[in-house]
């Protein structure tokens, strides 16, 4: 699989990994392709920052995996499901991301974890 990644990423100037890296080997191999900036995901064994601010072409970009607290992601949904109520762990995510980077003067926030497309202006 790494050869396919190397081929797909040929010519990129920088790789941003938003977490769930699993092992340091992933970062090492990606680093052979281009410089890598990464944040820690909720399933990672690699110790990395939970958030970072990067600057590319004078644009400040906040990066984070996007995982929320155990209460929001696991316990609360289980309780709601047990009570027969709808489960929506996405609700409030946008506000949490904005709060996480409050005061950082970021112009964009990139996050993973959710495996869904989201684009909005705030």
N, C-alpha and C. Protein backbone atom coordinates (compact mmCIF):
# COMPACT_ATOMS: atom_id res chain seq x y z
N UNK A 1 0.81 -1.22 0.00
CA UNK A 1 0.00 0.00 0.00
C UNK A 1 0.85 1.28 0.00
N UNK A 2 2.06 1.21 0.57
CA UNK A 2 2.88 2.42 0.64
C UNK A 2 3.34 2.88 -0.75
N UNK A 3 3.58 1.95 -1.65
CA UNK A 3 3.99 2.35 -3.00
C UNK A 3 2.87 3.10 -3.71
N UNK A 4 1.62 2.70 -3.48
CA UNK A 4 0.48 3.40 -4.07
C UNK A 4 0.36 4.81 -3.50
N UNK A 5 0.61 4.94 -2.20
CA UNK A 5 0.57 6.26 -1.57
C UNK A 5 1.68 7.14 -2.12
N UNK A 6 2.88 6.59 -2.21
CA UNK A 6 4.01 7.35 -2.75
C UNK A 6 3.73 7.81 -4.17
N UNK A 7 3.11 6.96 -4.95
CA UNK A 7 2.78 7.34 -6.33
C UNK A 7 1.70 8.43 -6.36
N UNK A 8 0.67 8.27 -5.55
CA UNK A 8 -0.41 9.26 -5.52
C UNK A 8 0.06 10.62 -5.00
N UNK A 9 1.02 10.60 -4.08
CA UNK A 9 1.50 11.84 -3.47
C UNK A 9 2.74 12.41 -4.17
N UNK A 10 3.12 11.83 -5.27
CA UNK A 10 4.32 12.28 -5.98
C UNK A 10 4.19 13.77 -6.32
N UNK A 11 5.19 14.54 -5.91
CA UNK A 11 5.22 15.96 -6.21
C UNK A 11 4.57 16.87 -5.18
N UNK A 12 3.94 16.30 -4.14
CA UNK A 12 3.34 17.17 -3.12
C UNK A 12 4.45 17.84 -2.32
N UNK A 13 4.16 19.03 -1.83
CA UNK A 13 5.16 19.78 -1.08
C UNK A 13 5.08 19.53 0.43
N UNK A 14 3.90 19.11 0.90
CA UNK A 14 3.71 18.91 2.34
C UNK A 14 2.54 17.96 2.54
N UNK A 15 2.62 17.12 3.54
CA UNK A 15 1.54 16.19 3.89
C UNK A 15 1.00 16.58 5.25
N UNK A 16 -0.32 16.73 5.34
CA UNK A 16 -0.99 17.00 6.61
C UNK A 16 -1.80 15.76 6.97
N UNK A 17 -1.47 15.15 8.11
CA UNK A 17 -2.18 13.95 8.56
C UNK A 17 -3.02 14.33 9.77
N UNK A 18 -4.32 14.03 9.71
CA UNK A 18 -5.25 14.46 10.75
C UNK A 18 -5.56 13.38 11.78
N UNK A 19 -4.68 12.43 11.91
CA UNK A 19 -4.81 11.47 12.99
C UNK A 19 -5.32 10.10 12.60
N UNK A 20 -5.27 9.23 13.58
CA UNK A 20 -5.41 7.79 13.43
C UNK A 20 -4.27 7.29 12.55
N UNK A 21 -3.08 7.62 13.00
CA UNK A 21 -1.84 7.27 12.32
C UNK A 21 -1.44 5.84 12.69
N UNK A 22 -1.81 5.42 13.88
CA UNK A 22 -1.55 4.09 14.42
C UNK A 22 -0.11 3.90 14.88
N UNK A 23 0.86 3.94 13.97
CA UNK A 23 2.25 3.68 14.35
C UNK A 23 3.19 4.74 13.78
N UNK A 24 4.35 4.86 14.38
CA UNK A 24 5.36 5.83 13.92
C UNK A 24 5.84 5.49 12.51
N UNK A 25 5.75 4.23 12.11
CA UNK A 25 6.18 3.83 10.77
C UNK A 25 5.44 4.61 9.69
N UNK A 26 4.17 4.88 9.91
CA UNK A 26 3.38 5.63 8.92
C UNK A 26 4.00 7.01 8.70
N UNK A 27 4.32 7.70 9.79
CA UNK A 27 4.92 9.03 9.67
C UNK A 27 6.31 8.96 9.03
N UNK A 28 7.07 7.94 9.38
CA UNK A 28 8.40 7.77 8.78
C UNK A 28 8.30 7.59 7.27
N UNK A 29 7.40 6.75 6.84
CA UNK A 29 7.26 6.49 5.40
C UNK A 29 6.70 7.70 4.66
N UNK A 30 5.72 8.38 5.26
CA UNK A 30 5.20 9.60 4.63
C UNK A 30 6.29 10.67 4.55
N UNK A 31 7.13 10.73 5.58
CA UNK A 31 8.22 11.70 5.62
C UNK A 31 9.25 11.50 4.52
N UNK A 32 9.30 10.31 3.95
CA UNK A 32 10.20 10.07 2.82
C UNK A 32 9.65 10.70 1.53
N UNK A 33 8.35 10.96 1.53
CA UNK A 33 7.69 11.55 0.35
C UNK A 33 7.76 13.08 0.40
N UNK A 34 7.43 13.64 1.57
CA UNK A 34 7.39 15.10 1.76
C UNK A 34 7.38 15.38 3.26
N UNK A 35 7.66 16.62 3.66
CA UNK A 35 7.54 16.96 5.08
C UNK A 35 6.11 16.68 5.56
N UNK A 36 5.99 16.25 6.82
CA UNK A 36 4.70 15.86 7.38
C UNK A 36 4.39 16.69 8.63
N UNK A 37 3.17 17.19 8.70
CA UNK A 37 2.63 17.78 9.93
C UNK A 37 1.47 16.90 10.34
N UNK A 38 1.43 16.48 11.60
CA UNK A 38 0.41 15.54 12.03
C UNK A 38 -0.10 15.87 13.42
N UNK A 39 -1.31 15.40 13.69
CA UNK A 39 -1.90 15.50 15.03
C UNK A 39 -2.35 14.11 15.44
N UNK A 40 -2.52 13.94 16.73
CA UNK A 40 -2.88 12.64 17.29
C UNK A 40 -4.37 12.36 17.13
N UNK A 41 -4.69 11.15 16.71
CA UNK A 41 -6.08 10.71 16.63
C UNK A 41 -6.46 9.91 17.86
N UNK A 42 -7.72 9.59 17.98
CA UNK A 42 -8.20 8.89 19.17
C UNK A 42 -7.78 7.42 19.21
N UNK A 43 -7.28 6.87 18.11
CA UNK A 43 -6.82 5.48 18.08
C UNK A 43 -5.31 5.36 17.95
N UNK A 44 -4.60 6.46 18.14
CA UNK A 44 -3.15 6.46 17.92
C UNK A 44 -2.36 6.02 19.14
N UNK A 45 -1.28 5.31 18.85
CA UNK A 45 -0.29 4.97 19.88
C UNK A 45 0.88 5.94 19.83
N UNK A 46 0.94 6.71 18.75
CA UNK A 46 1.99 7.72 18.56
C UNK A 46 1.60 8.97 19.34
N UNK A 47 2.52 9.48 20.15
CA UNK A 47 2.24 10.69 20.94
C UNK A 47 2.50 11.92 20.08
N UNK A 48 1.46 12.65 19.78
CA UNK A 48 1.53 13.87 18.99
C UNK A 48 0.62 14.91 19.62
N UNK A 49 0.75 16.17 19.22
CA UNK A 49 -0.17 17.18 19.75
C UNK A 49 -1.61 16.89 19.29
N UNK A 50 -2.57 17.28 20.08
CA UNK A 50 -3.98 17.12 19.71
C UNK A 50 -4.42 18.21 18.73
N UNK A 51 -3.69 19.32 18.73
CA UNK A 51 -3.98 20.38 17.76
C UNK A 51 -2.69 21.09 17.41
N UNK A 52 -2.67 21.69 16.22
CA UNK A 52 -1.52 22.47 15.76
C UNK A 52 -2.04 23.60 14.88
N UNK A 53 -1.22 24.63 14.74
CA UNK A 53 -1.52 25.69 13.79
C UNK A 53 -0.36 25.73 12.80
N UNK A 54 -0.69 25.60 11.53
CA UNK A 54 0.29 25.63 10.45
C UNK A 54 0.08 26.89 9.63
N UNK A 55 1.13 27.34 8.97
CA UNK A 55 1.00 28.49 8.07
C UNK A 55 1.55 28.09 6.71
N UNK A 56 0.70 28.22 5.70
CA UNK A 56 1.09 27.97 4.32
C UNK A 56 0.68 29.19 3.51
N UNK A 57 1.62 29.80 2.82
CA UNK A 57 1.35 30.97 1.97
C UNK A 57 0.57 32.04 2.75
N UNK A 58 1.01 32.33 3.96
CA UNK A 58 0.39 33.33 4.84
C UNK A 58 -1.04 32.99 5.28
N UNK A 59 -1.45 31.75 5.14
CA UNK A 59 -2.76 31.31 5.62
C UNK A 59 -2.55 30.44 6.85
N UNK A 60 -3.18 30.85 7.96
CA UNK A 60 -3.07 30.09 9.21
C UNK A 60 -4.16 29.02 9.24
N UNK A 61 -3.73 27.77 9.40
CA UNK A 61 -4.64 26.63 9.35
C UNK A 61 -4.54 25.85 10.65
N UNK A 62 -5.66 25.68 11.32
CA UNK A 62 -5.71 24.84 12.51
C UNK A 62 -5.97 23.41 12.10
N UNK A 63 -5.21 22.47 12.68
CA UNK A 63 -5.45 21.06 12.38
C UNK A 63 -5.68 20.30 13.69
N UNK A 64 -6.62 19.38 13.65
CA UNK A 64 -6.94 18.53 14.80
C UNK A 64 -7.60 17.26 14.26
N UNK A 65 -7.59 16.22 15.05
CA UNK A 65 -8.27 15.00 14.62
C UNK A 65 -9.78 15.21 14.65
N UNK A 66 -10.26 15.84 15.69
CA UNK A 66 -11.69 16.12 15.77
C UNK A 66 -12.47 15.21 16.70
N UNK A 67 -11.79 14.27 17.35
CA UNK A 67 -12.49 13.40 18.30
C UNK A 67 -12.95 14.23 19.49
N UNK A 68 -14.11 13.90 19.99
CA UNK A 68 -14.67 14.63 21.12
C UNK A 68 -14.54 13.79 22.39
N UNK A 69 -15.05 14.30 23.47
CA UNK A 69 -14.89 13.63 24.76
C UNK A 69 -15.57 12.26 24.78
N UNK A 70 -15.11 11.41 25.68
CA UNK A 70 -15.71 10.09 25.85
C UNK A 70 -17.20 10.21 26.14
N UNK A 71 -17.58 11.20 26.91
CA UNK A 71 -19.00 11.42 27.24
C UNK A 71 -19.81 11.66 25.97
N UNK A 72 -19.35 12.55 25.11
CA UNK A 72 -20.10 12.90 23.90
C UNK A 72 -20.09 11.76 22.88
N UNK A 73 -18.96 11.09 22.74
CA UNK A 73 -18.83 10.09 21.68
C UNK A 73 -19.29 8.69 22.05
N UNK A 74 -19.22 8.34 23.31
CA UNK A 74 -19.53 6.96 23.67
C UNK A 74 -20.68 6.84 24.67
N UNK A 75 -20.55 7.51 25.81
CA UNK A 75 -21.51 7.30 26.90
C UNK A 75 -22.87 7.93 26.57
N UNK A 76 -22.88 9.21 26.20
CA UNK A 76 -24.15 9.89 25.90
C UNK A 76 -24.92 9.19 24.78
N UNK A 77 -24.26 8.82 23.65
CA UNK A 77 -25.00 8.11 22.60
C UNK A 77 -25.56 6.78 23.08
N UNK A 78 -24.79 6.06 23.90
CA UNK A 78 -25.29 4.78 24.42
C UNK A 78 -26.54 5.00 25.27
N UNK A 79 -26.50 6.02 26.14
CA UNK A 79 -27.67 6.31 26.98
C UNK A 79 -28.87 6.72 26.14
N UNK A 80 -28.65 7.56 25.13
CA UNK A 80 -29.75 8.00 24.27
C UNK A 80 -30.34 6.80 23.51
N UNK A 81 -29.48 5.94 23.01
CA UNK A 81 -29.95 4.77 22.28
C UNK A 81 -30.73 3.84 23.21
N UNK A 82 -30.21 3.66 24.41
CA UNK A 82 -30.86 2.81 25.40
C UNK A 82 -32.26 3.33 25.74
N UNK A 83 -32.40 4.66 25.74
CA UNK A 83 -33.70 5.29 26.02
C UNK A 83 -34.57 5.40 24.77
N UNK A 84 -34.07 4.93 23.63
CA UNK A 84 -34.84 4.99 22.39
C UNK A 84 -34.85 6.36 21.74
N UNK A 85 -33.87 7.20 22.06
CA UNK A 85 -33.80 8.55 21.49
C UNK A 85 -32.77 8.57 20.37
N UNK A 86 -32.92 9.53 19.43
CA UNK A 86 -31.95 9.61 18.34
C UNK A 86 -30.55 9.96 18.83
N UNK A 87 -29.56 9.42 18.16
CA UNK A 87 -28.16 9.65 18.53
C UNK A 87 -27.52 10.54 17.46
N UNK A 88 -26.95 11.67 17.89
CA UNK A 88 -26.25 12.56 16.97
C UNK A 88 -25.04 13.14 17.67
N UNK A 89 -23.89 12.48 17.52
CA UNK A 89 -22.67 12.98 18.16
C UNK A 89 -22.05 14.13 17.39
N UNK A 90 -22.55 14.41 16.18
CA UNK A 90 -22.06 15.53 15.37
C UNK A 90 -22.56 16.86 15.91
N UNK A 91 -23.72 16.87 16.54
CA UNK A 91 -24.33 18.10 17.04
C UNK A 91 -23.37 18.85 17.97
N UNK A 92 -23.06 20.09 17.65
CA UNK A 92 -22.16 20.89 18.47
C UNK A 92 -20.71 20.82 18.04
N UNK A 93 -20.40 19.98 17.06
CA UNK A 93 -19.02 19.81 16.63
C UNK A 93 -18.41 21.11 16.14
N UNK A 94 -19.16 21.86 15.35
CA UNK A 94 -18.64 23.10 14.79
C UNK A 94 -18.25 24.07 15.90
N UNK A 95 -19.09 24.21 16.90
CA UNK A 95 -18.80 25.11 18.02
C UNK A 95 -17.56 24.63 18.79
N UNK A 96 -17.42 23.32 18.96
CA UNK A 96 -16.25 22.77 19.66
C UNK A 96 -14.96 23.08 18.90
N UNK A 97 -15.00 22.97 17.57
CA UNK A 97 -13.81 23.26 16.76
C UNK A 97 -13.43 24.74 16.86
N UNK A 98 -14.42 25.60 16.77
CA UNK A 98 -14.15 27.04 16.86
C UNK A 98 -13.58 27.38 18.23
N UNK A 99 -14.11 26.77 19.27
CA UNK A 99 -13.60 27.02 20.63
C UNK A 99 -12.17 26.51 20.78
N UNK A 100 -11.87 25.36 20.21
CA UNK A 100 -10.54 24.77 20.30
C UNK A 100 -9.47 25.71 19.74
N UNK A 101 -9.81 26.43 18.68
CA UNK A 101 -8.84 27.33 18.04
C UNK A 101 -9.11 28.80 18.34
N UNK A 102 -9.92 29.05 19.35
CA UNK A 102 -10.22 30.43 19.74
C UNK A 102 -8.93 31.18 20.09
N UNK A 103 -8.79 32.37 19.56
CA UNK A 103 -7.61 33.18 19.84
C UNK A 103 -6.40 32.85 18.98
N UNK A 104 -6.49 31.83 18.15
CA UNK A 104 -5.36 31.39 17.32
C UNK A 104 -5.31 32.12 15.97
N UNK A 105 -6.35 32.88 15.65
CA UNK A 105 -6.44 33.62 14.38
C UNK A 105 -6.28 32.71 13.16
N UNK A 106 -6.88 31.52 13.22
CA UNK A 106 -6.82 30.62 12.07
C UNK A 106 -7.85 31.04 11.03
N UNK A 107 -7.51 30.80 9.77
CA UNK A 107 -8.42 31.12 8.68
C UNK A 107 -9.13 29.88 8.15
N UNK A 108 -8.66 28.72 8.57
CA UNK A 108 -9.29 27.46 8.19
C UNK A 108 -9.00 26.43 9.28
N UNK A 109 -9.90 25.48 9.42
CA UNK A 109 -9.70 24.37 10.36
C UNK A 109 -9.89 23.07 9.57
N UNK A 110 -8.90 22.20 9.67
CA UNK A 110 -8.99 20.87 9.06
C UNK A 110 -9.13 19.84 10.17
N UNK A 111 -10.01 18.88 9.97
CA UNK A 111 -10.18 17.82 10.97
C UNK A 111 -10.58 16.53 10.27
N UNK A 112 -10.32 15.42 10.94
CA UNK A 112 -10.65 14.11 10.40
C UNK A 112 -11.72 13.46 11.26
N UNK A 113 -11.52 12.27 11.68
CA UNK A 113 -12.33 11.50 12.62
C UNK A 113 -13.74 11.19 12.13
N UNK A 114 -14.42 12.13 11.55
CA UNK A 114 -15.85 11.98 11.25
C UNK A 114 -16.14 11.27 9.94
N UNK A 115 -15.19 11.21 9.04
CA UNK A 115 -15.38 10.52 7.76
C UNK A 115 -16.61 11.06 7.02
N UNK A 116 -16.76 12.38 7.06
CA UNK A 116 -17.84 13.01 6.32
C UNK A 116 -17.36 14.35 5.79
N UNK A 117 -17.92 14.76 4.68
CA UNK A 117 -17.55 16.02 4.06
C UNK A 117 -18.26 17.15 4.78
N UNK A 118 -17.52 18.18 5.12
CA UNK A 118 -18.11 19.35 5.77
C UNK A 118 -17.32 20.58 5.36
N UNK A 119 -18.00 21.59 4.89
CA UNK A 119 -17.36 22.84 4.52
C UNK A 119 -18.32 23.97 4.89
N UNK A 120 -17.84 24.92 5.69
CA UNK A 120 -18.70 26.03 6.10
C UNK A 120 -17.85 27.24 6.42
N UNK A 121 -18.45 28.40 6.32
CA UNK A 121 -17.79 29.64 6.74
C UNK A 121 -18.40 30.06 8.06
N UNK A 122 -17.55 30.58 8.95
CA UNK A 122 -18.03 31.06 10.25
C UNK A 122 -17.51 32.46 10.48
